[in-house]
Amino acid sequence: MTEATTRPAPITITDAAFERVKTLLAQRGTPSVGIRISIRTKGCSGLSYALEYADEKNPMDEIMEREGITILIDPKATLFILGTEMDYVEEKMQSGFIFRNPNEKGRCGCGKSFHV
């Protein structure tokens, strides 16, 4: 008999980020399956993080669940975000989600895109 192995989640979501996702989903007004994290090709450095409401699960999505909230990760993003921490910060002049990714080799000057 073999033991089932569980793989670590590709991304860690801080309590602040989780609470913000929970709030956004509750305020949307339309039922959602959850929120999807993906990577888009854009910006000075080539890649940027994208968050969007997910109205359905895609067959290849990586699925993370916590307290009834579903976080979906686009399969094309998984290799780029392994080991990443997603956080939510509120400061005087701005607030938003930030990603601390140990795989990043650099960021553009404005901080909106990265490369690995």
Protein backbone atom coordinates (compact mmCIF):
# COMPACT_ATOMS: atom_id res chain seq x y z
CA MET A 1 0.00 0.00 0.00
CA THR A 2 1.39 3.39 -0.93
CA GLU A 3 0.81 6.62 0.92
CA ALA A 4 -0.80 9.51 -0.89
CA THR A 5 1.55 12.42 -1.21
CA THR A 6 0.39 15.97 -1.16
CA ARG A 7 2.35 18.57 -2.98
CA PRO A 8 2.87 21.97 -1.46
CA ALA A 9 0.73 24.75 -2.89
CA PRO A 10 2.50 26.67 -5.65
CA ILE A 11 1.70 29.98 -3.97
CA THR A 12 1.26 31.15 -0.39
CA ILE A 13 -1.53 33.61 0.31
CA THR A 14 -1.16 35.82 3.38
CA ASP A 15 -4.09 36.39 5.71
CA ALA A 16 -4.39 39.99 4.46
CA ALA A 17 -4.59 38.86 0.82
CA PHE A 18 -7.06 36.11 1.68
CA GLU A 19 -9.33 38.53 3.54
CA ARG A 20 -9.23 40.97 0.60
CA VAL A 21 -10.11 38.19 -1.88
CA LYS A 22 -12.98 37.15 0.40
CA THR A 23 -14.25 40.75 0.50
CA LEU A 24 -13.97 41.22 -3.26
CA LEU A 25 -15.88 38.01 -3.95
CA ALA A 26 -18.61 38.98 -1.48
CA GLN A 27 -18.95 42.47 -3.02
CA ARG A 28 -19.01 41.32 -6.64
CA GLY A 29 -22.77 40.82 -6.74
CA THR A 30 -22.48 37.90 -9.17
CA PRO A 31 -21.71 34.37 -8.00
CA SER A 32 -18.12 33.33 -8.72
CA VAL A 33 -16.34 30.02 -8.50
CA GLY A 34 -13.42 31.96 -7.01
CA ILE A 35 -10.53 34.07 -8.17
CA ARG A 36 -7.93 33.08 -10.79
CA ILE A 37 -4.25 33.97 -10.72
CA SER A 38 -2.50 34.03 -14.06
CA ILE A 39 0.53 35.49 -15.82
CA ARG A 40 0.19 37.78 -18.83
CA THR A 41 2.78 38.78 -21.37
CA LYS A 42 3.04 42.57 -21.07
CA GLY A 43 5.04 45.42 -19.65
CA CYS A 44 8.66 46.44 -19.98
CA SER A 45 10.06 43.23 -18.51
CA GLY A 46 7.74 40.82 -20.29
CA LEU A 47 5.41 39.30 -17.66
CA SER A 48 2.83 40.58 -15.21
CA TYR A 49 0.54 39.03 -12.62
CA ALA A 50 -3.20 39.03 -13.31
CA LEU A 51 -6.11 38.43 -10.94
CA GLU A 52 -9.64 37.99 -12.20
CA TYR A 53 -12.96 36.64 -11.05
CA ALA A 54 -13.44 33.04 -12.14
CA ASP A 55 -16.92 32.12 -13.31
CA GLU A 56 -15.92 28.53 -13.98
CA LYS A 57 -13.08 26.13 -13.29
CA ASN A 58 -10.89 25.23 -16.23
CA PRO A 59 -9.93 21.55 -16.44
CA MET A 60 -6.20 22.17 -15.91
CA ASP A 61 -6.44 24.86 -13.20
CA GLU A 62 -4.50 24.27 -10.00
CA ILE A 63 -7.08 24.54 -7.22
CA MET A 64 -6.46 25.85 -3.71
CA GLU A 65 -9.28 26.10 -1.19
CA ARG A 66 -9.42 27.82 2.18
CA GLU A 67 -12.47 28.51 4.30
CA GLY A 68 -14.81 27.95 1.37
CA ILE A 69 -12.90 30.33 -0.93
CA THR A 70 -11.40 28.89 -4.11
CA ILE A 71 -8.19 30.21 -5.64
CA LEU A 72 -7.53 28.93 -9.15
CA ILE A 73 -4.10 29.10 -10.74
CA ASP A 74 -3.81 29.07 -14.49
CA PRO A 75 -1.61 26.11 -15.49
CA LYS A 76 0.56 28.38 -17.66
CA ALA A 77 1.39 30.43 -14.56
CA THR A 78 2.32 27.60 -12.20
CA LEU A 79 6.00 27.33 -13.13
CA PHE A 80 6.47 31.10 -12.97
CA ILE A 81 4.97 31.47 -9.48
CA LEU A 82 6.25 28.42 -7.57
CA GLY A 83 7.24 29.60 -4.11
CA THR A 84 5.56 33.01 -4.49
CA GLU A 85 3.80 34.80 -1.66
CA MET A 86 0.73 36.88 -2.52
CA ASP A 87 0.02 39.68 -0.06
CA TYR A 88 -2.32 42.66 0.16
CA VAL A 89 -1.02 45.98 1.43
CA GLU A 90 -2.76 49.24 2.25
CA GLU A 91 -0.63 52.36 2.38
CA LYS A 92 -1.47 56.07 2.45
CA MET A 93 -1.15 56.60 -1.29
CA GLN A 94 -1.99 53.15 -2.67
CA SER A 95 -3.27 49.70 -1.89
CA GLY A 96 -3.22 46.43 -3.76
CA PHE A 97 -1.99 42.90 -4.13
CA ILE A 98 1.75 42.36 -4.25
CA PHE A 99 3.67 39.24 -5.21
CA ARG A 100 6.99 38.25 -3.65
CA ASN A 101 8.41 35.80 -6.14
CA PRO A 102 11.81 34.17 -5.51
CA ASN A 103 11.98 33.20 -9.21
CA GLU A 104 12.05 36.78 -10.46
CA LYS A 105 15.33 37.80 -12.03
CA GLY A 106 14.32 41.42 -12.42
CA ARG A 107 11.51 43.99 -12.56
CA CYS A 108 10.89 46.98 -14.74
CA GLY A 109 11.39 50.43 -13.25
CA CYS A 110 7.67 51.00 -12.61
CA GLY A 111 7.32 47.61 -10.87
CA LYS A 112 4.39 46.48 -13.04
CA SER A 113 6.18 43.64 -14.83
CA PHE A 114 8.94 41.11 -14.21
CA HIS A 115 11.03 38.44 -15.88
CA VAL A 116 12.33 35.05 -14.75
